Amino acid sequence: MPIYGVTYLHGRIQSPDYPHHDYILSSADFGRAYLAEGWATKFVRAFLDQYTVVLVGYQAESPPVKYLLQGLNHDGLRDTANLYAFDRGRLEDIEVKWRDRGVTPIP
């Protein structure tokens, strides 16, 4: 099924009366999705193969994101033309932070 627009993998703030959903909201959910069950890793890998992805609200040093992206970019051969992240600072500084993750930073 094609995806159009914004996809919220890790959730977003909802009204307290919003019905239950399957987004990742807690560290236990994160561990289950990426490590125990592994579906989120497969989802991200497939997503990167098919779409342009812009990470919003992630830090380069956030351990789960850092390890996932470094693992996906372990040989440095992944095409980095479709993965971007917003970050704060000078371009030269943020390029260093994201380089080994295969991410093109947007200052």
PDB file of N, CA and C in Angstrom:
ATOM      1  N   MET A   1       0.844  -1.178   0.000  1.00  0.00           N
ATOM      2  CA  MET A   1       0.000   0.000   0.000  1.00  0.00           C
ATOM      3  C   MET A   1       0.889   1.241   0.000  1.00  0.00           C
ATOM      4  N   PRO A   2       0.686   2.160  -0.934  1.00  0.00           N
ATOM      5  CA  PRO A   2       1.512   3.368  -0.968  1.00  0.00           C
ATOM      6  C   PRO A   2       1.209   4.280   0.218  1.00  0.00           C
ATOM      7  N   ILE A   3       2.222   5.012   0.626  1.00  0.00           N
ATOM      8  CA  ILE A   3       2.074   5.958   1.734  1.00  0.00           C
ATOM      9  C   ILE A   3       2.220   7.351   1.163  1.00  0.00           C
ATOM     10  N   TYR A   4       1.316   8.228   1.517  1.00  0.00           N
ATOM     11  CA  TYR A   4       1.344   9.617   1.083  1.00  0.00           C
ATOM     12  C   TYR A   4       1.338  10.503   2.313  1.00  0.00           C
ATOM     13  N   GLY A   5       2.139  11.537   2.300  1.00  0.00           N
ATOM     14  CA  GLY A   5       2.118  12.486   3.400  1.00  0.00           C
ATOM     15  C   GLY A   5       3.041  12.080   4.527  1.00  0.00           C
ATOM     16  N   VAL A   6       2.631  12.377   5.755  1.00  0.00           N
ATOM     17  CA  VAL A   6       3.447  12.168   6.939  1.00  0.00           C
ATOM     18  C   VAL A   6       3.061  10.851   7.597  1.00  0.00           C
ATOM     19  N   THR A   7       4.073  10.053   7.959  1.00  0.00           N
ATOM     20  CA  THR A   7       3.853   8.810   8.694  1.00  0.00           C
ATOM     21  C   THR A   7       4.473   8.973  10.067  1.00  0.00           C
ATOM     22  N   TYR A   8       3.708   8.697  11.104  1.00  0.00           N
ATOM     23  CA  TYR A   8       4.176   8.809  12.479  1.00  0.00           C
ATOM     24  C   TYR A   8       4.526   7.419  12.985  1.00  0.00           C
ATOM     25  N   LEU A   9       5.796   7.065  12.933  1.00  0.00           N
ATOM     26  CA  LEU A   9       6.209   5.748  13.419  1.00  0.00           C
ATOM     27  C   LEU A   9       6.231   5.698  14.938  1.00  0.00           C
ATOM     28  N   HIS A  10       6.750   6.742  15.563  1.00  0.00           N
ATOM     29  CA  HIS A  10       6.908   6.721  17.009  1.00  0.00           C
ATOM     30  C   HIS A  10       5.837   7.485  17.759  1.00  0.00           C
ATOM     31  N   GLY A  11       4.769   7.798  17.097  1.00  0.00           N
ATOM     32  CA  GLY A  11       3.653   8.426  17.787  1.00  0.00           C
ATOM     33  C   GLY A  11       3.694   9.931  17.771  1.00  0.00           C
ATOM     34  N   ARG A  12       2.640  10.486  18.280  1.00  0.00           N
ATOM     35  CA  ARG A  12       2.512  11.929  18.405  1.00  0.00           C
ATOM     36  C   ARG A  12       1.510  12.194  19.515  1.00  0.00           C
ATOM     37  N   ILE A  13       1.501  13.385  20.018  1.00  0.00           N
ATOM     38  CA  ILE A  13       0.601  13.728  21.113  1.00  0.00           C
ATOM     39  C   ILE A  13      -0.833  13.763  20.601  1.00  0.00           C
ATOM     40  N   GLN A  14      -1.684  13.089  21.300  1.00  0.00           N
ATOM     41  CA  GLN A  14      -3.100  13.029  20.945  1.00  0.00           C
ATOM     42  C   GLN A  14      -3.932  13.518  22.125  1.00  0.00           C
ATOM     43  N   SER A  15      -5.146  13.808  21.850  1.00  0.00           N
ATOM     44  CA  SER A  15      -6.103  14.123  22.896  1.00  0.00           C
ATOM     45  C   SER A  15      -6.250  12.890  23.793  1.00  0.00           C
ATOM     46  N   PRO A  16      -6.443  13.062  25.109  1.00  0.00           N
ATOM     47  CA  PRO A  16      -6.586  11.908  26.011  1.00  0.00           C
ATOM     48  C   PRO A  16      -7.732  10.965  25.627  1.00  0.00           C
ATOM     49  N   ASP A  17      -8.730  11.441  24.921  1.00  0.00           N
ATOM     50  CA  ASP A  17      -9.859  10.577  24.556  1.00  0.00           C
ATOM     51  C   ASP A  17      -9.680   9.923  23.178  1.00  0.00           C
ATOM     52  N   TYR A  18      -8.486  10.062  22.567  1.00  0.00           N
ATOM     53  CA  TYR A  18      -8.225   9.458  21.263  1.00  0.00           C
ATOM     54  C   TYR A  18      -8.159   7.940  21.423  1.00  0.00           C
ATOM     55  N   PRO A  19      -8.756   7.174  20.508  1.00  0.00           N
ATOM     56  CA  PRO A  19      -8.740   5.723  20.640  1.00  0.00           C
ATOM     57  C   PRO A  19      -7.314   5.147  20.572  1.00  0.00           C
ATOM     58  N   HIS A  20      -7.149   3.951  21.117  1.00  0.00           N
ATOM     59  CA  HIS A  20      -5.845   3.280  21.135  1.00  0.00           C
ATOM     60  C   HIS A  20      -5.296   3.116  19.719  1.00  0.00           C
ATOM     61  N   HIS A  21      -3.991   3.196  19.578  1.00  0.00           N
ATOM     62  CA  HIS A  21      -3.333   3.001  18.295  1.00  0.00           C
ATOM     63  C   HIS A  21      -2.064   2.194  18.517  1.00  0.00           C
ATOM     64  N   ASP A  22      -1.414   1.788  17.437  1.00  0.00           N
ATOM     65  CA  ASP A  22      -0.229   0.935  17.512  1.00  0.00           C
ATOM     66  C   ASP A  22       1.085   1.695  17.383  1.00  0.00           C
ATOM     67  N   TYR A  23       1.092   2.992  17.583  1.00  0.00           N
ATOM     68  CA  TYR A  23       2.332   3.746  17.507  1.00  0.00           C
ATOM     69  C   TYR A  23       3.238   3.381  18.667  1.00  0.00           C
ATOM     70  N   ILE A  24       4.538   3.616  18.489  1.00  0.00           N
ATOM     71  CA  ILE A  24       5.507   3.377  19.548  1.00  0.00           C
ATOM     72  C   ILE A  24       5.521   4.615  20.440  1.00  0.00           C
ATOM     73  N   LEU A  25       5.205   4.429  21.703  1.00  0.00           N
ATOM     74  CA  LEU A  25       5.120   5.568  22.612  1.00  0.00           C
ATOM     75  C   LEU A  25       6.049   5.475  23.809  1.00  0.00           C
ATOM     76  N   SER A  26       6.394   4.279  24.230  1.00  0.00           N
ATOM     77  CA  SER A  26       7.221   4.133  25.424  1.00  0.00           C
ATOM     78  C   SER A  26       8.517   3.402  25.073  1.00  0.00           C
ATOM     79  N   SER A  27       9.452   3.386  26.022  1.00  0.00           N
ATOM     80  CA  SER A  27      10.701   2.669  25.772  1.00  0.00           C
ATOM     81  C   SER A  27      10.450   1.167  25.639  1.00  0.00           C
ATOM     82  N   ALA A  28       9.461   0.648  26.364  1.00  0.00           N
ATOM     83  CA  ALA A  28       9.117  -0.770  26.222  1.00  0.00           C
ATOM     84  C   ALA A  28       8.569  -1.049  24.823  1.00  0.00           C
ATOM     85  N   ASP A  29       7.718  -0.145  24.313  1.00  0.00           N
ATOM     86  CA  ASP A  29       7.203  -0.295  22.951  1.00  0.00           C
ATOM     87  C   ASP A  29       8.353  -0.247  21.944  1.00  0.00           C
ATOM     88  N   PHE A  30       9.295   0.657  22.178  1.00  0.00           N
ATOM     89  CA  PHE A  30      10.437   0.815  21.278  1.00  0.00           C
ATOM     90  C   PHE A  30      11.263  -0.473  21.258  1.00  0.00           C
ATOM     91  N   GLY A  31      11.580  -1.005  22.418  1.00  0.00           N
ATOM     92  CA  GLY A  31      12.354  -2.239  22.508  1.00  0.00           C
ATOM     93  C   GLY A  31      11.648  -3.406  21.847  1.00  0.00           C
ATOM     94  N   ARG A  32      10.352  -3.500  22.055  1.00  0.00           N
ATOM     95  CA  ARG A  32       9.562  -4.573  21.445  1.00  0.00           C
ATOM     96  C   ARG A  32       9.582  -4.448  19.923  1.00  0.00           C
ATOM     97  N   ALA A  33       9.329  -3.247  19.409  1.00  0.00           N
ATOM     98  CA  ALA A  33       9.213  -3.034  17.969  1.00  0.00           C
ATOM     99  C   ALA A  33      10.541  -3.209  17.235  1.00  0.00           C
ATOM    100  N   TYR A  34      11.638  -2.733  17.830  1.00  0.00           N
ATOM    101  CA  TYR A  34      12.932  -2.786  17.145  1.00  0.00           C
ATOM    102  C   TYR A  34      13.745  -4.023  17.494  1.00  0.00           C
ATOM    103  N   LEU A  35      13.658  -4.481  18.728  1.00  0.00           N
ATOM    104  CA  LEU A  35      14.540  -5.565  19.156  1.00  0.00           C
ATOM    105  C   LEU A  35      13.825  -6.896  19.327  1.00  0.00           C
ATOM    106  N   ALA A  36      12.808  -6.929  20.151  1.00  0.00           N
ATOM    107  CA  ALA A  36      12.155  -8.214  20.448  1.00  0.00           C
ATOM    108  C   ALA A  36      11.417  -8.774  19.236  1.00  0.00           C
ATOM    109  N   GLU A  37      10.618  -7.955  18.572  1.00  0.00           N
ATOM    110  CA  GLU A  37       9.851  -8.417  17.410  1.00  0.00           C
ATOM    111  C   GLU A  37      10.502  -8.030  16.088  1.00  0.00           C
ATOM    112  N   GLY A  38      11.222  -6.930  16.066  1.00  0.00           N
ATOM    113  CA  GLY A  38      11.970  -6.515  14.892  1.00  0.00           C
ATOM    114  C   GLY A  38      11.167  -5.925  13.742  1.00  0.00           C
ATOM    115  N   TRP A  39       9.863  -5.734  13.929  1.00  0.00           N
ATOM    116  CA  TRP A  39       9.060  -5.244  12.802  1.00  0.00           C
ATOM    117  C   TRP A  39       9.412  -3.805  12.420  1.00  0.00           C
ATOM    118  N   ALA A  40       9.778  -2.975  13.379  1.00  0.00           N
ATOM    119  CA  ALA A  40      10.070  -1.572  13.064  1.00  0.00           C
ATOM    120  C   ALA A  40      11.359  -1.454  12.249  1.00  0.00           C
ATOM    121  N   THR A  41      12.346  -2.278  12.538  1.00  0.00           N
ATOM    122  CA  THR A  41      13.584  -2.262  11.754  1.00  0.00           C
ATOM    123  C   THR A  41      13.290  -2.634  10.308  1.00  0.00           C
ATOM    124  N   LYS A  42      12.501  -3.669  10.106  1.00  0.00           N
ATOM    125  CA  LYS A  42      12.136  -4.083   8.742  1.00  0.00           C
ATOM    126  C   LYS A  42      11.328  -2.984   8.049  1.00  0.00           C
ATOM    127  N   PHE A  43      10.446  -2.348   8.806  1.00  0.00           N
ATOM    128  CA  PHE A  43       9.635  -1.254   8.266  1.00  0.00           C
ATOM    129  C   PHE A  43      10.529  -0.106   7.808  1.00  0.00           C
ATOM    130  N   VAL A  44      11.480   0.304   8.650  1.00  0.00           N
ATOM    131  CA  VAL A  44      12.368   1.416   8.314  1.00  0.00           C
ATOM    132  C   VAL A  44      13.224   1.057   7.104  1.00  0.00           C
ATOM    133  N   ARG A  45      13.754  -0.164   7.064  1.00  0.00           N
ATOM    134  CA  ARG A  45      14.575  -0.582   5.923  1.00  0.00           C
ATOM    135  C   ARG A  45      13.765  -0.522   4.625  1.00  0.00           C
ATOM    136  N   ALA A  46      12.559  -1.073   4.635  1.00  0.00           N
ATOM    137  CA  ALA A  46      11.709  -1.051   3.435  1.00  0.00           C
ATOM    138  C   ALA A  46      11.330   0.377   3.070  1.00  0.00           C
ATOM    139  N   PHE A  47      11.069   1.195   4.082  1.00  0.00           N
ATOM    140  CA  PHE A  47      10.710   2.592   3.871  1.00  0.00           C
ATOM    141  C   PHE A  47      11.836   3.325   3.151  1.00  0.00           C
ATOM    142  N   LEU A  48      13.082   3.106   3.599  1.00  0.00           N
ATOM    143  CA  LEU A  48      14.237   3.773   2.995  1.00  0.00           C
ATOM    144  C   LEU A  48      14.493   3.305   1.573  1.00  0.00           C
ATOM    145  N   ASP A  49      14.078   2.086   1.255  1.00  0.00           N
ATOM    146  CA  ASP A  49      14.244   1.572  -0.106  1.00  0.00           C
ATOM    147  C   ASP A  49      13.243   2.185  -1.073  1.00  0.00           C
ATOM    148  N   GLN A  50      12.117   2.717  -0.553  1.00  0.00           N
ATOM    149  CA  GLN A  50      11.030   3.160  -1.419  1.00  0.00           C
ATOM    150  C   GLN A  50      10.725   4.649  -1.375  1.00  0.00           C
ATOM    151  N   TYR A  51      11.104   5.324  -0.303  1.00  0.00           N
ATOM    152  CA  TYR A  51      10.651   6.696  -0.102  1.00  0.00           C
ATOM    153  C   TYR A  51      11.794   7.622   0.293  1.00  0.00           C
ATOM    154  N   THR A  52      11.566   8.904   0.152  1.00  0.00           N
ATOM    155  CA  THR A  52      12.426   9.910   0.756  1.00  0.00           C
ATOM    156  C   THR A  52      11.944  10.107   2.180  1.00  0.00           C
ATOM    157  N   VAL A  53      12.860  10.033   3.125  1.00  0.00           N
ATOM    158  CA  VAL A  53      12.509  10.085   4.544  1.00  0.00           C
ATOM    159  C   VAL A  53      13.181  11.299   5.176  1.00  0.00           C
ATOM    160  N   VAL A  54      12.406  12.070   5.928  1.00  0.00           N
ATOM    161  CA  VAL A  54      12.929  13.199   6.691  1.00  0.00           C
ATOM    162  C   VAL A  54      12.628  12.934   8.157  1.00  0.00           C
ATOM    163  N   LEU A  55      13.675  12.803   8.959  1.00  0.00           N
ATOM    164  CA  LEU A  55      13.519  12.567  10.394  1.00  0.00           C
ATOM    165  C   LEU A  55      13.265  13.897  11.082  1.00  0.00           C
ATOM    166  N   VAL A  56      12.225  13.948  11.860  1.00  0.00           N
ATOM    167  CA  VAL A  56      11.854  15.160  12.589  1.00  0.00           C
ATOM    168  C   VAL A  56      11.831  14.819  14.074  1.00  0.00           C
ATOM    169  N   GLY A  57      12.571  15.569  14.860  1.00  0.00           N
ATOM    170  CA  GLY A  57      12.564  15.370  16.299  1.00  0.00           C
ATOM    171  C   GLY A  57      13.530  14.319  16.793  1.00  0.00           C
ATOM    172  N   TYR A  58      14.467  13.876  15.972  1.00  0.00           N
ATOM    173  CA  TYR A  58      15.458  12.887  16.382  1.00  0.00           C
ATOM    174  C   TYR A  58      16.774  13.584  16.665  1.00  0.00           C
ATOM    175  N   GLN A  59      17.544  13.014  17.577  1.00  0.00           N
ATOM    176  CA  GLN A  59      18.886  13.498  17.862  1.00  0.00           C
ATOM    177  C   GLN A  59      19.885  12.509  17.288  1.00  0.00           C
ATOM    178  N   ALA A  60      20.989  12.999  16.750  1.00  0.00           N
ATOM    179  CA  ALA A  60      22.005  12.125  16.165  1.00  0.00           C
ATOM    180  C   ALA A  60      22.566  11.150  17.193  1.00  0.00           C
ATOM    181  N   GLU A  61      22.600  11.560  18.454  1.00  0.00           N
ATOM    182  CA  GLU A  61      23.177  10.713  19.493  1.00  0.00           C
ATOM    183  C   GLU A  61      22.142   9.912  20.277  1.00  0.00           C
ATOM    184  N   SER A  62      20.892   9.966  19.901  1.00  0.00           N
ATOM    185  CA  SER A  62      19.873   9.143  20.558  1.00  0.00           C
ATOM    186  C   SER A  62      20.228   7.678  20.302  1.00  0.00           C
ATOM    187  N   PRO A  63      20.559   6.898  21.359  1.00  0.00           N
ATOM    188  CA  PRO A  63      21.090   5.553  21.138  1.00  0.00           C
ATOM    189  C   PRO A  63      20.274   4.666  20.193  1.00  0.00           C
ATOM    190  N   PRO A  64      18.972   4.523  20.337  1.00  0.00           N
ATOM    191  CA  PRO A  64      18.270   3.624  19.416  1.00  0.00           C
ATOM    192  C   PRO A  64      18.354   4.072  17.961  1.00  0.00           C
ATOM    193  N   VAL A  65      18.211   5.368  17.723  1.00  0.00           N
ATOM    194  CA  VAL A  65      18.270   5.887  16.354  1.00  0.00           C
ATOM    195  C   VAL A  65      19.693   5.770  15.823  1.00  0.00           C
ATOM    196  N   LYS A  66      20.660   6.118  16.641  1.00  0.00           N
ATOM    197  CA  LYS A  66      22.070   6.032  16.248  1.00  0.00           C
ATOM    198  C   LYS A  66      22.417   4.605  15.836  1.00  0.00           C
ATOM    199  N   TYR A  67      22.098   3.626  16.683  1.00  0.00           N
ATOM    200  CA  TYR A  67      22.461   2.237  16.399  1.00  0.00           C
ATOM    201  C   TYR A  67      21.722   1.693  15.182  1.00  0.00           C
ATOM    202  N   LEU A  68      20.454   2.018  15.050  1.00  0.00           N
ATOM    203  CA  LEU A  68      19.690   1.542  13.899  1.00  0.00           C
ATOM    204  C   LEU A  68      20.286   2.083  12.602  1.00  0.00           C
ATOM    205  N   LEU A  69      20.501   3.393  12.537  1.00  0.00           N
ATOM    206  CA  LEU A  69      21.005   4.002  11.312  1.00  0.00           C
ATOM    207  C   LEU A  69      22.444   3.581  11.010  1.00  0.00           C
ATOM    208  N   GLN A  70      23.274   3.462  12.052  1.00  0.00           N
ATOM    209  CA  GLN A  70      24.643   2.979  11.825  1.00  0.00           C
ATOM    210  C   GLN A  70      24.609   1.543  11.311  1.00  0.00           C
ATOM    211  N   GLY A  71      23.726   0.734  11.851  1.00  0.00           N
ATOM    212  CA  GLY A  71      23.614  -0.649  11.403  1.00  0.00           C
ATOM    213  C   GLY A  71      23.156  -0.754   9.961  1.00  0.00           C
ATOM    214  N   LEU A  72      22.193   0.070   9.579  1.00  0.00           N
ATOM    215  CA  LEU A  72      21.707   0.055   8.208  1.00  0.00           C
ATOM    216  C   LEU A  72      22.754   0.593   7.234  1.00  0.00           C
ATOM    217  N   ASN A  73      23.640   1.445   7.738  1.00  0.00           N
ATOM    218  CA  ASN A  73      24.674   2.064   6.908  1.00  0.00           C
ATOM    219  C   ASN A  73      26.050   1.465   7.218  1.00  0.00           C
ATOM    220  N   HIS A  74      26.101   0.241   7.740  1.00  0.00           N
ATOM    221  CA  HIS A  74      27.340  -0.354   8.245  1.00  0.00           C
ATOM    222  C   HIS A  74      28.471  -0.405   7.234  1.00  0.00           C
ATOM    223  N   ASP A  75      28.167  -0.573   5.961  1.00  0.00           N
ATOM    224  CA  ASP A  75      29.235  -0.661   4.963  1.00  0.00           C
ATOM    225  C   ASP A  75      29.440   0.651   4.220  1.00  0.00           C
ATOM    226  N   GLY A  76      28.637   1.670   4.546  1.00  0.00           N
ATOM    227  CA  GLY A  76      28.759   2.969   3.908  1.00  0.00           C
ATOM    228  C   GLY A  76      28.299   3.001   2.463  1.00  0.00           C
ATOM    229  N   LEU A  77      27.644   1.923   2.015  1.00  0.00           N
ATOM    230  CA  LEU A  77      27.229   1.839   0.620  1.00  0.00           C
ATOM    231  C   LEU A  77      25.773   2.198   0.383  1.00  0.00           C
ATOM    232  N   ARG A  78      25.005   2.397   1.456  1.00  0.00           N
ATOM    233  CA  ARG A  78      23.598   2.738   1.279  1.00  0.00           C
ATOM    234  C   ARG A  78      23.483   4.112   0.635  1.00  0.00           C
ATOM    235  N   ASP A  79      22.565   4.251  -0.299  1.00  0.00           N
ATOM    236  CA  ASP A  79      22.338   5.533  -0.959  1.00  0.00           C
ATOM    237  C   ASP A  79      21.771   6.506   0.062  1.00  0.00           C
ATOM    238  N   THR A  80      22.495   7.586   0.302  1.00  0.00           N
ATOM    239  CA  THR A  80      22.072   8.558   1.318  1.00  0.00           C
ATOM    240  C   THR A  80      21.213   9.669   0.744  1.00  0.00           C
ATOM    241  N   ALA A  81      20.845   9.561  -0.520  1.00  0.00           N
ATOM    242  CA  ALA A  81      20.097  10.634  -1.175  1.00  0.00           C
ATOM    243  C   ALA A  81      18.639  10.693  -0.742  1.00  0.00           C
ATOM    244  N   ASN A  82      18.170   9.743   0.042  1.00  0.00           N
ATOM    245  CA  ASN A  82      16.757   9.739   0.407  1.00  0.00           C
ATOM    246  C   ASN A  82      16.513   9.795   1.912  1.00  0.00           C
ATOM    247  N   LEU A  83      17.542  10.075   2.703  1.00  0.00           N
ATOM    248  CA  LEU A  83      17.371  10.138   4.154  1.00  0.00           C
ATOM    249  C   LEU A  83      17.947  11.447   4.676  1.00  0.00           C
ATOM    250  N   TYR A  84      17.087  12.252   5.289  1.00  0.00           N
ATOM    251  CA  TYR A  84      17.446  13.573   5.787  1.00  0.00           C
ATOM    252  C   TYR A  84      17.008  13.709   7.240  1.00  0.00           C
ATOM    253  N   ALA A  85      17.640  14.634   7.949  1.00  0.00           N
ATOM    254  CA  ALA A  85      17.242  14.938   9.324  1.00  0.00           C
ATOM    255  C   ALA A  85      17.434  16.417   9.586  1.00  0.00           C
ATOM    256  N   PHE A  86      16.446  17.021  10.233  1.00  0.00           N
ATOM    257  CA  PHE A  86      16.594  18.394  10.688  1.00  0.00           C
ATOM    258  C   PHE A  86      17.492  18.390  11.915  1.00  0.00           C
ATOM    259  N   ASP A  87      18.399  19.358  11.989  1.00  0.00           N
ATOM    260  CA  ASP A  87      19.258  19.497  13.161  1.00  0.00           C
ATOM    261  C   ASP A  87      19.623  20.961  13.303  1.00  0.00           C
ATOM    262  N   ARG A  88      20.071  21.308  14.477  1.00  0.00           N
ATOM    263  CA  ARG A  88      20.401  22.689  14.788  1.00  0.00           C
ATOM    264  C   ARG A  88      21.907  22.869  14.819  1.00  0.00           C
ATOM    265  N   GLY A  89      22.387  23.918  14.190  1.00  0.00           N
ATOM    266  CA  GLY A  89      23.810  24.221  14.234  1.00  0.00           C
ATOM    267  C   GLY A  89      24.365  24.522  12.865  1.00  0.00           C
ATOM    268  N   ARG A  90      25.699  24.640  12.827  1.00  0.00           N
ATOM    269  CA  ARG A  90      26.383  24.908  11.566  1.00  0.00           C
ATOM    270  C   ARG A  90      26.425  23.634  10.730  1.00  0.00           C
ATOM    271  N   LEU A  91      26.263  23.787   9.428  1.00  0.00           N
ATOM    272  CA  LEU A  91      26.235  22.636   8.526  1.00  0.00           C
ATOM    273  C   LEU A  91      27.444  21.727   8.734  1.00  0.00           C
ATOM    274  N   GLU A  92      28.630  22.299   8.849  1.00  0.00           N
ATOM    275  CA  GLU A  92      29.849  21.501   9.009  1.00  0.00           C
ATOM    276  C   GLU A  92      29.780  20.640  10.269  1.00  0.00           C
ATOM    277  N   ASP A  93      29.238  21.191  11.342  1.00  0.00           N
ATOM    278  CA  ASP A  93      29.161  20.466  12.612  1.00  0.00           C
ATOM    279  C   ASP A  93      28.122  19.340  12.559  1.00  0.00           C
ATOM    280  N   ILE A  94      26.967  19.638  11.987  1.00  0.00           N
ATOM    281  CA  ILE A  94      25.937  18.597  11.971  1.00  0.00           C
ATOM    282  C   ILE A  94      26.211  17.520  10.926  1.00  0.00           C
ATOM    283  N   GLU A  95      26.947  17.853   9.879  1.00  0.00           N
ATOM    284  CA  GLU A  95      27.341  16.818   8.915  1.00  0.00           C
ATOM    285  C   GLU A  95      28.188  15.751   9.595  1.00  0.00           C
ATOM    286  N   VAL A  96      29.091  16.158  10.470  1.00  0.00           N
ATOM    287  CA  VAL A  96      29.937  15.220  11.199  1.00  0.00           C
ATOM    288  C   VAL A  96      29.077  14.312  12.081  1.00  0.00           C
ATOM    289  N   LYS A  97      28.063  14.879  12.747  1.00  0.00           N
ATOM    290  CA  LYS A  97      27.214  14.084  13.638  1.00  0.00           C
ATOM    291  C   LYS A  97      26.434  13.003  12.901  1.00  0.00           C
ATOM    292  N   TRP A  98      25.992  13.272  11.684  1.00  0.00           N
ATOM    293  CA  TRP A  98      25.097  12.360  10.965  1.00  0.00           C
ATOM    294  C   TRP A  98      25.800  11.488   9.927  1.00  0.00           C
ATOM    295  N   ARG A  99      27.044  11.762   9.593  1.00  0.00           N
ATOM    296  CA  ARG A  99      27.730  11.108   8.473  1.00  0.00           C
ATOM    297  C   ARG A  99      27.709   9.583   8.561  1.00  0.00           C
ATOM    298  N   ASP A 100      28.094   9.012   9.708  1.00  0.00           N
ATOM    299  CA  ASP A 100      28.171   7.553   9.810  1.00  0.00           C
ATOM    300  C   ASP A 100      26.811   6.872   9.878  1.00  0.00           C
ATOM    301  N   ARG A 101      25.753   7.672   9.896  1.00  0.00           N
ATOM    302  CA  ARG A 101      24.400   7.138   9.937  1.00  0.00           C
ATOM    303  C   ARG A 101      23.755   7.139   8.551  1.00  0.00           C
ATOM    304  N   GLY A 102      24.470   7.669   7.555  1.00  0.00           N
ATOM    305  CA  GLY A 102      23.937   7.707   6.198  1.00  0.00           C
ATOM    306  C   GLY A 102      22.835   8.723   6.019  1.00  0.00           C
ATOM    307  N   VAL A 103      22.908   9.816   6.792  1.00  0.00           N
ATOM    308  CA  VAL A 103      21.862  10.836   6.805  1.00  0.00           C
ATOM    309  C   VAL A 103      22.428  12.143   6.276  1.00  0.00           C
ATOM    310  N   THR A 104      21.646  12.835   5.440  1.00  0.00           N
ATOM    311  CA  THR A 104      21.980  14.173   5.000  1.00  0.00           C
ATOM    312  C   THR A 104      21.290  15.153   5.945  1.00  0.00           C
ATOM    313  N   PRO A 105      22.060  15.920   6.725  1.00  0.00           N
ATOM    314  CA  PRO A 105      21.428  16.845   7.664  1.00  0.00           C
ATOM    315  C   PRO A 105      20.907  18.114   6.992  1.00  0.00           C
ATOM    316  N   ILE A 106      19.848  18.650   7.568  1.00  0.00           N
ATOM    317  CA  ILE A 106      19.278  19.919   7.128  1.00  0.00           C
ATOM    318  C   ILE A 106      19.372  20.876   8.316  1.00  0.00           C
ATOM    319  N   PRO A 107      20.279  21.887   8.224  1.00  0.00           N
ATOM    320  CA  PRO A 107      20.427  22.796   9.372  1.00  0.00           C
ATOM    321  C   PRO A 107      19.247  23.750   9.500  1.00  0.00           C
TER     322      PRO A 107
END
